[in-house]
Amino acid sequence: MRQWVAVEGLNAHDVAVLVAKRPKAHCYELLGPRLTAEGIRWVSETHSVNGAVLLETFSRFKGLEAQAVVLWVGDEVVDEATWETVYVGTTRAKSLLAVVGSNRAVRTVREFIQAAG
């Protein structure tokens, strides 16, 4: 994400980090300080804040889009019952999509994207 914002010049408010893992507050607590350490301003669940990366959940971001999206997924997306969550997350990015998570979860998302064509 730092590459997108600091190096490539993408506006921070055009980036959303979406989490599927629960509890979401714990995810925000883990991510926030990392972003701050990278010099990236961030907000959680407050959309359209100029100059700030958005931290949000997959489900709350349903129907919305961002230029660049980072999906933070856990092994919960491996279950077929969560395919809608995977679909929602993978279709939110207009231009750039990055998936972060366990090897198993990332592999599952990759397979889902390839199957969706």
PDB file of N, CA and C in Angstrom:
ATOM      1  N   MET A   1       0.813  -1.178   0.000  1.00  0.00           N
ATOM      2  CA  MET A   1       0.000   0.000   0.000  1.00  0.00           C
ATOM      3  C   MET A   1       0.864   1.252   0.000  1.00  0.00           C
ATOM      4  N   ARG A   2       1.957   1.208   0.745  1.00  0.00           N
ATOM      5  CA  ARG A   2       2.857   2.355   0.746  1.00  0.00           C
ATOM      6  C   ARG A   2       3.351   2.624  -0.674  1.00  0.00           C
ATOM      7  N   GLN A   3       3.617   1.554  -1.420  1.00  0.00           N
ATOM      8  CA  GLN A   3       4.051   1.676  -2.815  1.00  0.00           C
ATOM      9  C   GLN A   3       3.002   2.439  -3.623  1.00  0.00           C
ATOM     10  N   TRP A   4       1.744   2.071  -3.445  1.00  0.00           N
ATOM     11  CA  TRP A   4       0.676   2.724  -4.204  1.00  0.00           C
ATOM     12  C   TRP A   4       0.568   4.204  -3.867  1.00  0.00           C
ATOM     13  N   VAL A   5       0.650   4.533  -2.583  1.00  0.00           N
ATOM     14  CA  VAL A   5       0.419   5.911  -2.138  1.00  0.00           C
ATOM     15  C   VAL A   5       1.685   6.761  -2.245  1.00  0.00           C
ATOM     16  N   ALA A   6       2.769   6.324  -1.630  1.00  0.00           N
ATOM     17  CA  ALA A   6       3.972   7.147  -1.538  1.00  0.00           C
ATOM     18  C   ALA A   6       4.801   7.150  -2.826  1.00  0.00           C
ATOM     19  N   VAL A   7       4.838   6.027  -3.522  1.00  0.00           N
ATOM     20  CA  VAL A   7       5.713   5.921  -4.689  1.00  0.00           C
ATOM     21  C   VAL A   7       4.956   6.176  -5.989  1.00  0.00           C
ATOM     22  N   GLU A   8       3.808   5.515  -6.159  1.00  0.00           N
ATOM     23  CA  GLU A   8       3.082   5.624  -7.420  1.00  0.00           C
ATOM     24  C   GLU A   8       2.107   6.794  -7.462  1.00  0.00           C
ATOM     25  N   GLY A   9       1.905   7.462  -6.329  1.00  0.00           N
ATOM     26  CA  GLY A   9       1.114   8.684  -6.313  1.00  0.00           C
ATOM     27  C   GLY A   9      -0.393   8.516  -6.252  1.00  0.00           C
ATOM     28  N   LEU A  10      -0.865   7.333  -5.904  1.00  0.00           N
ATOM     29  CA  LEU A  10      -2.308   7.147  -5.743  1.00  0.00           C
ATOM     30  C   LEU A  10      -2.761   7.911  -4.506  1.00  0.00           C
ATOM     31  N   ASN A  11      -3.882   8.585  -4.594  1.00  0.00           N
ATOM     32  CA  ASN A  11      -4.411   9.301  -3.430  1.00  0.00           C
ATOM     33  C   ASN A  11      -4.827   8.305  -2.361  1.00  0.00           C
ATOM     34  N   ALA A  12      -4.474   8.584  -1.120  1.00  0.00           N
ATOM     35  CA  ALA A  12      -4.787   7.673  -0.015  1.00  0.00           C
ATOM     36  C   ALA A  12      -6.283   7.391   0.063  1.00  0.00           C
ATOM     37  N   HIS A  13      -7.113   8.392  -0.205  1.00  0.00           N
ATOM     38  CA  HIS A  13      -8.564   8.182  -0.100  1.00  0.00           C
ATOM     39  C   HIS A  13      -9.129   7.324  -1.236  1.00  0.00           C
ATOM     40  N   ASP A  14      -8.274   6.944  -2.185  1.00  0.00           N
ATOM     41  CA  ASP A  14      -8.680   6.024  -3.250  1.00  0.00           C
ATOM     42  C   ASP A  14      -8.346   4.573  -2.913  1.00  0.00           C
ATOM     43  N   VAL A  15      -7.852   4.347  -1.694  1.00  0.00           N
ATOM     44  CA  VAL A  15      -7.455   3.008  -1.257  1.00  0.00           C
ATOM     45  C   VAL A  15      -8.342   2.568  -0.103  1.00  0.00           C
ATOM     46  N   ALA A  16      -8.840   1.342  -0.201  1.00  0.00           N
ATOM     47  CA  ALA A  16      -9.615   0.742   0.886  1.00  0.00           C
ATOM     48  C   ALA A  16      -8.966  -0.577   1.288  1.00  0.00           C
ATOM     49  N   VAL A  17      -8.838  -0.781   2.583  1.00  0.00           N
ATOM     50  CA  VAL A  17      -8.375  -2.059   3.119  1.00  0.00           C
ATOM     51  C   VAL A  17      -9.602  -2.717   3.720  1.00  0.00           C
ATOM     52  N   LEU A  18      -9.995  -3.854   3.145  1.00  0.00           N
ATOM     53  CA  LEU A  18     -11.198  -4.548   3.592  1.00  0.00           C
ATOM     54  C   LEU A  18     -10.813  -5.803   4.341  1.00  0.00           C
ATOM     55  N   VAL A  19     -11.434  -5.995   5.495  1.00  0.00           N
ATOM     56  CA  VAL A  19     -11.136  -7.166   6.312  1.00  0.00           C
ATOM     57  C   VAL A  19     -12.337  -8.105   6.345  1.00  0.00           C
ATOM     58  N   ALA A  20     -12.045  -9.392   6.240  1.00  0.00           N
ATOM     59  CA  ALA A  20     -13.082 -10.409   6.384  1.00  0.00           C
ATOM     60  C   ALA A  20     -12.947 -11.078   7.736  1.00  0.00           C
ATOM     61  N   LYS A  21     -11.777 -10.911   8.336  1.00  0.00           N
ATOM     62  CA  LYS A  21     -11.498 -11.558   9.613  1.00  0.00           C
ATOM     63  C   LYS A  21     -12.296 -10.897  10.738  1.00  0.00           C
ATOM     64  N   ARG A  22     -12.572 -11.678  11.743  1.00  0.00           N
ATOM     65  CA  ARG A  22     -13.285 -11.160  12.912  1.00  0.00           C
ATOM     66  C   ARG A  22     -12.482 -11.456  14.162  1.00  0.00           C
ATOM     67  N   PRO A  23     -12.561 -10.659  15.183  1.00  0.00           N
ATOM     68  CA  PRO A  23     -13.355  -9.437  15.277  1.00  0.00           C
ATOM     69  C   PRO A  23     -12.686  -8.286  14.513  1.00  0.00           C
ATOM     70  N   LYS A  24     -13.497  -7.481  13.878  1.00  0.00           N
ATOM     71  CA  LYS A  24     -12.974  -6.405  13.039  1.00  0.00           C
ATOM     72  C   LYS A  24     -12.172  -5.396  13.851  1.00  0.00           C
ATOM     73  N   ALA A  25     -12.588  -5.105  15.078  1.00  0.00           N
ATOM     74  CA  ALA A  25     -11.863  -4.128  15.899  1.00  0.00           C
ATOM     75  C   ALA A  25     -10.422  -4.583  16.114  1.00  0.00           C
ATOM     76  N   HIS A  26     -10.231  -5.858  16.302  1.00  0.00           N
ATOM     77  CA  HIS A  26      -8.876  -6.385  16.478  1.00  0.00           C
ATOM     78  C   HIS A  26      -8.061  -6.194  15.202  1.00  0.00           C
ATOM     79  N   CYS A  27      -8.673  -6.419  14.062  1.00  0.00           N
ATOM     80  CA  CYS A  27      -7.984  -6.216  12.780  1.00  0.00           C
ATOM     81  C   CYS A  27      -7.574  -4.758  12.622  1.00  0.00           C
ATOM     82  N   TYR A  28      -8.487  -3.851  12.944  1.00  0.00           N
ATOM     83  CA  TYR A  28      -8.171  -2.426  12.843  1.00  0.00           C
ATOM     84  C   TYR A  28      -7.020  -2.061  13.774  1.00  0.00           C
ATOM     85  N   GLU A  29      -7.019  -2.641  14.978  1.00  0.00           N
ATOM     86  CA  GLU A  29      -5.945  -2.375  15.941  1.00  0.00           C
ATOM     87  C   GLU A  29      -4.597  -2.874  15.433  1.00  0.00           C
ATOM     88  N   LEU A  30      -4.607  -3.958  14.681  1.00  0.00           N
ATOM     89  CA  LEU A  30      -3.371  -4.481  14.110  1.00  0.00           C
ATOM     90  C   LEU A  30      -2.907  -3.659  12.905  1.00  0.00           C
ATOM     91  N   LEU A  31      -3.842  -3.287  12.053  1.00  0.00           N
ATOM     92  CA  LEU A  31      -3.497  -2.577  10.824  1.00  0.00           C
ATOM     93  C   LEU A  31      -3.162  -1.106  11.037  1.00  0.00           C
ATOM     94  N   GLY A  32      -3.924  -0.439  11.860  1.00  0.00           N
ATOM     95  CA  GLY A  32      -3.768   1.006  12.047  1.00  0.00           C
ATOM     96  C   GLY A  32      -2.347   1.437  12.361  1.00  0.00           C
ATOM     97  N   PRO A  33      -1.730   0.873  13.393  1.00  0.00           N
ATOM     98  CA  PRO A  33      -0.361   1.287  13.720  1.00  0.00           C
ATOM     99  C   PRO A  33       0.645   1.004  12.599  1.00  0.00           C
ATOM    100  N   ARG A  34       0.426  -0.067  11.842  1.00  0.00           N
ATOM    101  CA  ARG A  34       1.325  -0.350  10.705  1.00  0.00           C
ATOM    102  C   ARG A  34       1.216   0.735   9.648  1.00  0.00           C
ATOM    103  N   LEU A  35      -0.009   1.153   9.365  1.00  0.00           N
ATOM    104  CA  LEU A  35      -0.198   2.220   8.382  1.00  0.00           C
ATOM    105  C   LEU A  35       0.421   3.519   8.885  1.00  0.00           C
ATOM    106  N   THR A  36       0.187   3.823  10.158  1.00  0.00           N
ATOM    107  CA  THR A  36       0.747   5.034  10.747  1.00  0.00           C
ATOM    108  C   THR A  36       2.268   5.007  10.669  1.00  0.00           C
ATOM    109  N   ALA A  37       2.866   3.861  10.977  1.00  0.00           N
ATOM    110  CA  ALA A  37       4.324   3.723  10.917  1.00  0.00           C
ATOM    111  C   ALA A  37       4.851   3.938   9.500  1.00  0.00           C
ATOM    112  N   GLU A  38       4.030   3.605   8.510  1.00  0.00           N
ATOM    113  CA  GLU A  38       4.413   3.798   7.105  1.00  0.00           C
ATOM    114  C   GLU A  38       4.171   5.236   6.653  1.00  0.00           C
ATOM    115  N   GLY A  39       3.630   6.067   7.555  1.00  0.00           N
ATOM    116  CA  GLY A  39       3.345   7.457   7.207  1.00  0.00           C
ATOM    117  C   GLY A  39       2.039   7.621   6.456  1.00  0.00           C
ATOM    118  N   ILE A  40       1.153   6.646   6.572  1.00  0.00           N
ATOM    119  CA  ILE A  40      -0.128   6.692   5.861  1.00  0.00           C
ATOM    120  C   ILE A  40      -1.234   7.026   6.841  1.00  0.00           C
ATOM    121  N   ARG A  41      -1.970   8.070   6.548  1.00  0.00           N
ATOM    122  CA  ARG A  41      -3.128   8.446   7.359  1.00  0.00           C
ATOM    123  C   ARG A  41      -4.262   7.483   7.039  1.00  0.00           C
ATOM    124  N   TRP A  42      -5.037   7.090   8.059  1.00  0.00           N
ATOM    125  CA  TRP A  42      -6.109   6.115   7.860  1.00  0.00           C
ATOM    126  C   TRP A  42      -7.296   6.450   8.747  1.00  0.00           C
ATOM    127  N   VAL A  43      -8.451   5.946   8.344  1.00  0.00           N
ATOM    128  CA  VAL A  43      -9.677   6.058   9.130  1.00  0.00           C
ATOM    129  C   VAL A  43     -10.391   4.715   9.067  1.00  0.00           C
ATOM    130  N   SER A  44     -11.166   4.408  10.085  1.00  0.00           N
ATOM    131  CA  SER A  44     -11.950   3.177  10.043  1.00  0.00           C
ATOM    132  C   SER A  44     -13.428   3.528   9.931  1.00  0.00           C
ATOM    133  N   GLU A  45     -14.053   2.922   8.927  1.00  0.00           N
ATOM    134  CA  GLU A  45     -15.493   3.004   8.698  1.00  0.00           C
ATOM    135  C   GLU A  45     -16.024   4.423   8.506  1.00  0.00           C
ATOM    136  N   THR A  46     -15.166   5.326   8.059  1.00  0.00           N
ATOM    137  CA  THR A  46     -15.583   6.692   7.730  1.00  0.00           C
ATOM    138  C   THR A  46     -15.174   6.941   6.288  1.00  0.00           C
ATOM    139  N   HIS A  47     -16.135   6.889   5.393  1.00  0.00           N
ATOM    140  CA  HIS A  47     -15.855   6.952   3.962  1.00  0.00           C
ATOM    141  C   HIS A  47     -15.554   8.368   3.497  1.00  0.00           C
ATOM    142  N   SER A  48     -14.794   8.445   2.407  1.00  0.00           N
ATOM    143  CA  SER A  48     -14.506   9.687   1.687  1.00  0.00           C
ATOM    144  C   SER A  48     -13.780  10.731   2.516  1.00  0.00           C
ATOM    145  N   VAL A  49     -12.847  10.315   3.347  1.00  0.00           N
ATOM    146  CA  VAL A  49     -12.025  11.261   4.094  1.00  0.00           C
ATOM    147  C   VAL A  49     -10.793  11.550   3.244  1.00  0.00           C
ATOM    148  N   ASN A  50     -10.673  12.789   2.807  1.00  0.00           N
ATOM    149  CA  ASN A  50      -9.595  13.171   1.912  1.00  0.00           C
ATOM    150  C   ASN A  50      -8.235  12.876   2.547  1.00  0.00           C
ATOM    151  N   GLY A  51      -7.375  12.200   1.804  1.00  0.00           N
ATOM    152  CA  GLY A  51      -6.021  11.924   2.248  1.00  0.00           C
ATOM    153  C   GLY A  51      -5.874  10.778   3.229  1.00  0.00           C
ATOM    154  N   ALA A  52      -6.926   9.962   3.399  1.00  0.00           N
ATOM    155  CA  ALA A  52      -6.855   8.865   4.364  1.00  0.00           C
ATOM    156  C   ALA A  52      -7.290   7.552   3.725  1.00  0.00           C
ATOM    157  N   VAL A  53      -6.530   6.500   4.002  1.00  0.00           N
ATOM    158  CA  VAL A  53      -6.886   5.149   3.589  1.00  0.00           C
ATOM    159  C   VAL A  53      -8.040   4.680   4.466  1.00  0.00           C
ATOM    160  N   LEU A  54      -8.995   4.007   3.868  1.00  0.00           N
ATOM    161  CA  LEU A  54     -10.168   3.514   4.600  1.00  0.00           C
ATOM    162  C   LEU A  54      -9.960   2.082   5.054  1.00  0.00           C
ATOM    163  N   LEU A  55     -10.186   1.806   6.335  1.00  0.00           N
ATOM    164  CA  LEU A  55     -10.253   0.446   6.864  1.00  0.00           C
ATOM    165  C   LEU A  55     -11.724   0.127   7.034  1.00  0.00           C
ATOM    166  N   GLU A  56     -12.160  -0.991   6.472  1.00  0.00           N
ATOM    167  CA  GLU A  56     -13.579  -1.318   6.451  1.00  0.00           C
ATOM    168  C   GLU A  56     -13.739  -2.825   6.364  1.00  0.00           C
ATOM    169  N   THR A  57     -14.946  -3.305   6.607  1.00  0.00           N
ATOM    170  CA  THR A  57     -15.220  -4.732   6.459  1.00  0.00           C
ATOM    171  C   THR A  57     -15.768  -5.000   5.056  1.00  0.00           C
ATOM    172  N   PHE A  58     -15.620  -6.250   4.621  1.00  0.00           N
ATOM    173  CA  PHE A  58     -16.174  -6.648   3.329  1.00  0.00           C
ATOM    174  C   PHE A  58     -17.660  -6.321   3.281  1.00  0.00           C
ATOM    175  N   SER A  59     -18.374  -6.737   4.301  1.00  0.00           N
ATOM    176  CA  SER A  59     -19.836  -6.615   4.281  1.00  0.00           C
ATOM    177  C   SER A  59     -20.301  -5.158   4.297  1.00  0.00           C
ATOM    178  N   ARG A  60     -19.638  -4.293   5.021  1.00  0.00           N
ATOM    179  CA  ARG A  60     -20.037  -2.881   5.055  1.00  0.00           C
ATOM    180  C   ARG A  60     -19.685  -2.163   3.757  1.00  0.00           C
ATOM    181  N   PHE A  61     -18.749  -2.712   2.973  1.00  0.00           N
ATOM    182  CA  PHE A  61     -18.314  -2.090   1.732  1.00  0.00           C
ATOM    183  C   PHE A  61     -19.098  -2.614   0.527  1.00  0.00           C
ATOM    184  N   LYS A  62     -20.043  -3.501   0.777  1.00  0.00           N
ATOM    185  CA  LYS A  62     -20.850  -4.083  -0.297  1.00  0.00           C
ATOM    186  C   LYS A  62     -21.552  -2.967  -1.080  1.00  0.00           C
ATOM    187  N   GLY A  63     -21.425  -3.001  -2.403  1.00  0.00           N
ATOM    188  CA  GLY A  63     -22.045  -1.992  -3.259  1.00  0.00           C
ATOM    189  C   GLY A  63     -21.184  -0.760  -3.496  1.00  0.00           C
ATOM    190  N   LEU A  64     -20.045  -0.674  -2.838  1.00  0.00           N
ATOM    191  CA  LEU A  64     -19.146   0.466  -3.003  1.00  0.00           C
ATOM    192  C   LEU A  64     -17.908   0.036  -3.780  1.00  0.00           C
ATOM    193  N   GLU A  65     -17.103   1.005  -4.206  1.00  0.00           N
ATOM    194  CA  GLU A  65     -15.888   0.721  -4.952  1.00  0.00           C
ATOM    195  C   GLU A  65     -14.768   1.641  -4.504  1.00  0.00           C
ATOM    196  N   ALA A  66     -13.551   1.248  -4.809  1.00  0.00           N
ATOM    197  CA  ALA A  66     -12.374   2.088  -4.609  1.00  0.00           C
ATOM    198  C   ALA A  66     -11.411   1.803  -5.758  1.00  0.00           C
ATOM    199  N   GLN A  67     -10.568   2.763  -6.070  1.00  0.00           N
ATOM    200  CA  GLN A  67      -9.584   2.549  -7.131  1.00  0.00           C
ATOM    201  C   GLN A  67      -8.695   1.359  -6.816  1.00  0.00           C
ATOM    202  N   ALA A  68      -8.257   1.286  -5.557  1.00  0.00           N
ATOM    203  CA  ALA A  68      -7.367   0.209  -5.138  1.00  0.00           C
ATOM    204  C   ALA A  68      -7.905  -0.412  -3.854  1.00  0.00           C
ATOM    205  N   VAL A  69      -7.889  -1.734  -3.805  1.00  0.00           N
ATOM    206  CA  VAL A  69      -8.413  -2.446  -2.637  1.00  0.00           C
ATOM    207  C   VAL A  69      -7.405  -3.494  -2.192  1.00  0.00           C
ATOM    208  N   VAL A  70      -7.193  -3.522  -0.884  1.00  0.00           N
ATOM    209  CA  VAL A  70      -6.413  -4.584  -0.258  1.00  0.00           C
ATOM    210  C   VAL A  70      -7.408  -5.422   0.528  1.00  0.00           C
ATOM    211  N   LEU A  71      -7.476  -6.707   0.224  1.00  0.00           N
ATOM    212  CA  LEU A  71      -8.346  -7.623   0.955  1.00  0.00           C
ATOM    213  C   LEU A  71      -7.504  -8.370   1.968  1.00  0.00           C
ATOM    214  N   TRP A  72      -7.896  -8.293   3.234  1.00  0.00           N
ATOM    215  CA  TRP A  72      -7.215  -9.055   4.276  1.00  0.00           C
ATOM    216  C   TRP A  72      -8.136 -10.206   4.625  1.00  0.00           C
ATOM    217  N   VAL A  73      -7.756 -11.392   4.227  1.00  0.00           N
ATOM    218  CA  VAL A  73      -8.620 -12.555   4.390  1.00  0.00           C
ATOM    219  C   VAL A  73      -7.975 -13.594   5.311  1.00  0.00           C
ATOM    220  N   GLY A  74      -8.832 -14.323   5.973  1.00  0.00           N
ATOM    221  CA  GLY A  74      -8.378 -15.420   6.811  1.00  0.00           C
ATOM    222  C   GLY A  74      -8.927 -16.716   6.265  1.00  0.00           C
ATOM    223  N   ASP A  75      -8.700 -17.768   6.964  1.00  0.00           N
ATOM    224  CA  ASP A  75      -9.148 -19.078   6.500  1.00  0.00           C
ATOM    225  C   ASP A  75     -10.668 -19.204   6.465  1.00  0.00           C
ATOM    226  N   GLU A  76     -11.378 -18.232   7.034  1.00  0.00           N
ATOM    227  CA  GLU A  76     -12.841 -18.294   6.975  1.00  0.00           C
ATOM    228  C   GLU A  76     -13.366 -18.177   5.546  1.00  0.00           C
ATOM    229  N   VAL A  77     -12.594 -17.628   4.620  1.00  0.00           N
ATOM    230  CA  VAL A  77     -13.059 -17.507   3.236  1.00  0.00           C
ATOM    231  C   VAL A  77     -12.913 -18.806   2.461  1.00  0.00           C
ATOM    232  N   VAL A  78     -12.329 -19.801   3.069  1.00  0.00           N
ATOM    233  CA  VAL A  78     -12.133 -21.080   2.396  1.00  0.00           C
ATOM    234  C   VAL A  78     -13.427 -21.883   2.341  1.00  0.00           C
ATOM    235  N   ASP A  79     -14.327 -21.632   3.224  1.00  0.00           N
ATOM    236  CA  ASP A  79     -15.600 -22.343   3.307  1.00  0.00           C
ATOM    237  C   ASP A  79     -16.535 -21.880   2.184  1.00  0.00           C
ATOM    238  N   GLU A  80     -17.200 -22.808   1.509  1.00  0.00           N
ATOM    239  CA  GLU A  80     -18.113 -22.448   0.411  1.00  0.00           C
ATOM    240  C   GLU A  80     -19.239 -21.525   0.864  1.00  0.00           C
ATOM    241  N   ALA A  81     -19.587 -21.581   2.134  1.00  0.00           N
ATOM    242  CA  ALA A  81     -20.660 -20.723   2.642  1.00  0.00           C
ATOM    243  C   ALA A  81     -20.265 -19.250   2.607  1.00  0.00           C
ATOM    244  N   THR A  82     -18.979 -18.959   2.442  1.00  0.00           N
ATOM    245  CA  THR A  82     -18.522 -17.561   2.444  1.00  0.00           C
ATOM    246  C   THR A  82     -18.177 -17.048   1.049  1.00  0.00           C
ATOM    247  N   TRP A  83     -18.583 -17.778  -0.003  1.00  0.00           N
ATOM    248  CA  TRP A  83     -18.260 -17.325  -1.358  1.00  0.00           C
ATOM    249  C   TRP A  83     -18.824 -15.949  -1.663  1.00  0.00           C
ATOM    250  N   GLU A  84     -19.975 -15.610  -1.109  1.00  0.00           N
ATOM    251  CA  GLU A  84     -20.529 -14.271  -1.335  1.00  0.00           C
ATOM    252  C   GLU A  84     -19.588 -13.210  -0.777  1.00  0.00           C
ATOM    253  N   THR A  85     -19.000 -13.479   0.381  1.00  0.00           N
ATOM    254  CA  THR A  85     -18.039 -12.550   0.964  1.00  0.00           C
ATOM    255  C   THR A  85     -16.844 -12.372   0.040  1.00  0.00           C
ATOM    256  N   VAL A  86     -16.345 -13.464  -0.504  1.00  0.00           N
ATOM    257  CA  VAL A  86     -15.216 -13.400  -1.433  1.00  0.00           C
ATOM    258  C   VAL A  86     -15.611 -12.597  -2.668  1.00  0.00           C
ATOM    259  N   TYR A  87     -16.781 -12.861  -3.200  1.00  0.00           N
ATOM    260  CA  TYR A  87     -17.252 -12.118  -4.376  1.00  0.00           C
ATOM    261  C   TYR A  87     -17.321 -10.627  -4.089  1.00  0.00           C
ATOM    262  N   VAL A  88     -17.929 -10.268  -2.966  1.00  0.00           N
ATOM    263  CA  VAL A  88     -18.048  -8.853  -2.603  1.00  0.00           C
ATOM    264  C   VAL A  88     -16.666  -8.217  -2.523  1.00  0.00           C
ATOM    265  N   GLY A  89     -15.758  -8.866  -1.845  1.00  0.00           N
ATOM    266  CA  GLY A  89     -14.423  -8.304  -1.684  1.00  0.00           C
ATOM    267  C   GLY A  89     -13.660  -8.154  -2.984  1.00  0.00           C
ATOM    268  N   THR A  90     -13.710  -9.165  -3.823  1.00  0.00           N
ATOM    269  CA  THR A  90     -12.911  -9.145  -5.048  1.00  0.00           C
ATOM    270  C   THR A  90     -13.469  -8.231  -6.123  1.00  0.00           C
ATOM    271  N   THR A  91     -14.699  -7.819  -6.007  1.00  0.00           N
ATOM    272  CA  THR A  91     -15.294  -6.962  -7.036  1.00  0.00           C
ATOM    273  C   THR A  91     -15.367  -5.493  -6.628  1.00  0.00           C
ATOM    274  N   ARG A  92     -14.717  -5.111  -5.560  1.00  0.00           N
ATOM    275  CA  ARG A  92     -14.761  -3.719  -5.095  1.00  0.00           C
ATOM    276  C   ARG A  92     -13.678  -2.851  -5.717  1.00  0.00           C
ATOM    277  N   ALA A  93     -12.634  -3.446  -6.276  1.00  0.00           N
ATOM    278  CA  ALA A  93     -11.513  -2.681  -6.815  1.00  0.00           C
ATOM    279  C   ALA A  93     -11.773  -2.277  -8.264  1.00  0.00           C
ATOM    280  N   LYS A  94     -11.561  -1.002  -8.563  1.00  0.00           N
ATOM    281  CA  LYS A  94     -11.692  -0.525  -9.935  1.00  0.00           C
ATOM    282  C   LYS A  94     -10.418  -0.831 -10.736  1.00  0.00           C
ATOM    283  N   SER A  95      -9.254  -0.646 -10.122  1.00  0.00           N
ATOM    284  CA  SER A  95      -7.996  -0.796 -10.862  1.00  0.00           C
ATOM    285  C   SER A  95      -7.020  -1.786 -10.246  1.00  0.00           C
ATOM    286  N   LEU A  96      -6.816  -1.720  -8.942  1.00  0.00           N
ATOM    287  CA  LEU A  96      -5.805  -2.533  -8.282  1.00  0.00           C
ATOM    288  C   LEU A  96      -6.421  -3.375  -7.173  1.00  0.00           C
ATOM    289  N   LEU A  97      -6.002  -4.634  -7.105  1.00  0.00           N
ATOM    290  CA  LEU A  97      -6.476  -5.530  -6.061  1.00  0.00           C
ATOM    291  C   LEU A  97      -5.291  -6.307  -5.517  1.00  0.00           C
ATOM    292  N   ALA A  98      -5.140  -6.293  -4.197  1.00  0.00           N
ATOM    293  CA  ALA A  98      -4.125  -7.103  -3.532  1.00  0.00           C
ATOM    294  C   ALA A  98      -4.836  -7.931  -2.471  1.00  0.00           C
ATOM    295  N   VAL A  99      -4.402  -9.173  -2.326  1.00  0.00           N
ATOM    296  CA  VAL A  99      -4.994 -10.072  -1.338  1.00  0.00           C
ATOM    297  C   VAL A  99      -3.904 -10.464  -0.353  1.00  0.00           C
ATOM    298  N   VAL A 100      -4.191 -10.300   0.929  1.00  0.00           N
ATOM    299  CA  VAL A 100      -3.245 -10.612   1.990  1.00  0.00           C
ATOM    300  C   VAL A 100      -3.911 -11.599   2.931  1.00  0.00           C
ATOM    301  N   GLY A 101      -3.178 -12.634   3.311  1.00  0.00           N
ATOM    302  CA  GLY A 101      -3.725 -13.616   4.243  1.00  0.00           C
ATOM    303  C   GLY A 101      -2.869 -14.867   4.262  1.00  0.00           C
ATOM    304  N   SER A 102      -3.418 -15.913   4.848  1.00  0.00           N
ATOM    305  CA  SER A 102      -2.697 -17.180   4.891  1.00  0.00           C
ATOM    306  C   SER A 102      -2.552 -17.724   3.473  1.00  0.00           C
ATOM    307  N   ASN A 103      -1.587 -18.604   3.277  1.00  0.00           N
ATOM    308  CA  ASN A 103      -1.399 -19.216   1.950  1.00  0.00           C
ATOM    309  C   ASN A 103      -2.686 -19.869   1.468  1.00  0.00           C
ATOM    310  N   ARG A 104      -3.345 -20.564   2.360  1.00  0.00           N
ATOM    311  CA  ARG A 104      -4.577 -21.272   2.000  1.00  0.00           C
ATOM    312  C   ARG A 104      -5.670 -20.288   1.570  1.00  0.00           C
ATOM    313  N   ALA A 105      -5.840 -19.218   2.327  1.00  0.00           N
ATOM    314  CA  ALA A 105      -6.886 -18.239   2.004  1.00  0.00           C
ATOM    315  C   ALA A 105      -6.587 -17.511   0.699  1.00  0.00           C
ATOM    316  N   VAL A 106      -5.341 -17.108   0.506  1.00  0.00           N
ATOM    317  CA  VAL A 106      -4.968 -16.404  -0.732  1.00  0.00           C
ATOM    318  C   VAL A 106      -5.146 -17.325  -1.935  1.00  0.00           C
ATOM    319  N   ARG A 107      -4.744 -18.577  -1.803  1.00  0.00           N
ATOM    320  CA  ARG A 107      -4.927 -19.551  -2.886  1.00  0.00           C
ATOM    321  C   ARG A 107      -6.409 -19.708  -3.231  1.00  0.00           C
ATOM    322  N   THR A 108      -7.262 -19.755  -2.214  1.00  0.00           N
ATOM    323  CA  THR A 108      -8.705 -19.892  -2.434  1.00  0.00           C
ATOM    324  C   THR A 108      -9.255 -18.687  -3.177  1.00  0.00           C
ATOM    325  N   VAL A 109      -8.862 -17.491  -2.776  1.00  0.00           N
ATOM    326  CA  VAL A 109      -9.330 -16.276  -3.457  1.00  0.00           C
ATOM    327  C   VAL A 109      -8.830 -16.266  -4.899  1.00  0.00           C
ATOM    328  N   ARG A 110      -7.579 -16.626  -5.115  1.00  0.00           N
ATOM    329  CA  ARG A 110      -7.026 -16.670  -6.475  1.00  0.00           C
ATOM    330  C   ARG A 110      -7.834 -17.632  -7.351  1.00  0.00           C
ATOM    331  N   GLU A 111      -8.132 -18.818  -6.812  1.00  0.00           N
ATOM    332  CA  GLU A 111      -8.923 -19.798  -7.559  1.00  0.00           C
ATOM    333  C   GLU A 111     -10.316 -19.263  -7.865  1.00  0.00           C
ATOM    334  N   PHE A 112     -10.911 -18.562  -6.911  1.00  0.00           N
ATOM    335  CA  PHE A 112     -12.231 -17.972  -7.114  1.00  0.00           C
ATOM    336  C   PHE A 112     -12.187 -16.945  -8.252  1.00  0.00           C
ATOM    337  N   ILE A 113     -11.185 -16.093  -8.244  1.00  0.00           N
ATOM    338  CA  ILE A 113     -11.063 -15.073  -9.287  1.00  0.00           C
ATOM    339  C   ILE A 113     -10.851 -15.719 -10.649  1.00  0.00           C
ATOM    340  N   GLN A 114     -10.010 -16.734 -10.727  1.00  0.00           N
ATOM    341  CA  GLN A 114      -9.760 -17.419 -11.996  1.00  0.00           C
ATOM    342  C   GLN A 114     -11.016 -18.115 -12.501  1.00  0.00           C
ATOM    343  N   ALA A 115     -11.780 -18.714 -11.612  1.00  0.00           N
ATOM    344  CA  ALA A 115     -13.015 -19.401 -12.017  1.00  0.00           C
ATOM    345  C   ALA A 115     -14.078 -18.420 -12.478  1.00  0.00           C
ATOM    346  N   ALA A 116     -14.074 -17.226 -11.885  1.00  0.00           N
ATOM    347  CA  ALA A 116     -15.070 -16.209 -12.250  1.00  0.00           C
ATOM    348  C   ALA A 116     -14.737 -15.579 -13.599  1.00  0.00           C
ATOM    349  N   GLY A 117     -13.478 -15.711 -14.008  1.00  0.00           N
ATOM    350  CA  GLY A 117     -13.039 -15.232 -15.313  1.00  0.00           C
ATOM    351  C   GLY A 117     -12.955 -13.772 -15.383  1.00  0.00           C
TER     352      GLY A 117
END
